[in-house]
Amino acid sequence: MTTTPNNNWAEEMKRNTLHLAYWTFAWTASMALATFGPLMIWDNQTATIGGVILNFALGVGMIMANKRHINGLDEMQKKIQLEAMAISLGVGIVTGLSYSLLDVTNVIAVDAEISHLVILIGLTYAVAILIGRIRYK
């Protein structure tokens, strides 16, 4: 069976997607370890610092895998990704700074938590990807 250029592209895209999934899983698992390790597994600041360094290093790997994944996409998929990222970045910055300002000025009674912002950015990105795929179908 001969491999066509289109088939090579599909295989590369599949490989890049799996690579990104592995890095994302590793980064997420290291985030859980760095968060819950000091609470449930160890009582050692050195281990906690090691967990945070591991999380950071895996995060850099995940960023590079994401870049590789995006570079392997076709032009339409790149456009959808770029638009979704732009919207997510804008929503994250505008909402995050406003949320922080509400906290700093004591307009809201709760502390502004980064986890709320991460959830908002993730949901915004997912919805923007969905809308982009529908719009450019």
Foldseek 3Di string as FASTA:
>chain_A
DDADPVNVLVVQLVVLVVQLVVLVVQLVVLVCCLVCCCVPPDVDVVVNVVSVVSSVVSVVVNVVSVVSNLVSDDPLLVVLQVVLLVQLVVCLVVVVVVLCVCQVVVVDVDHDDVVVSVVSSVVSSVVSSVVSVVVVD
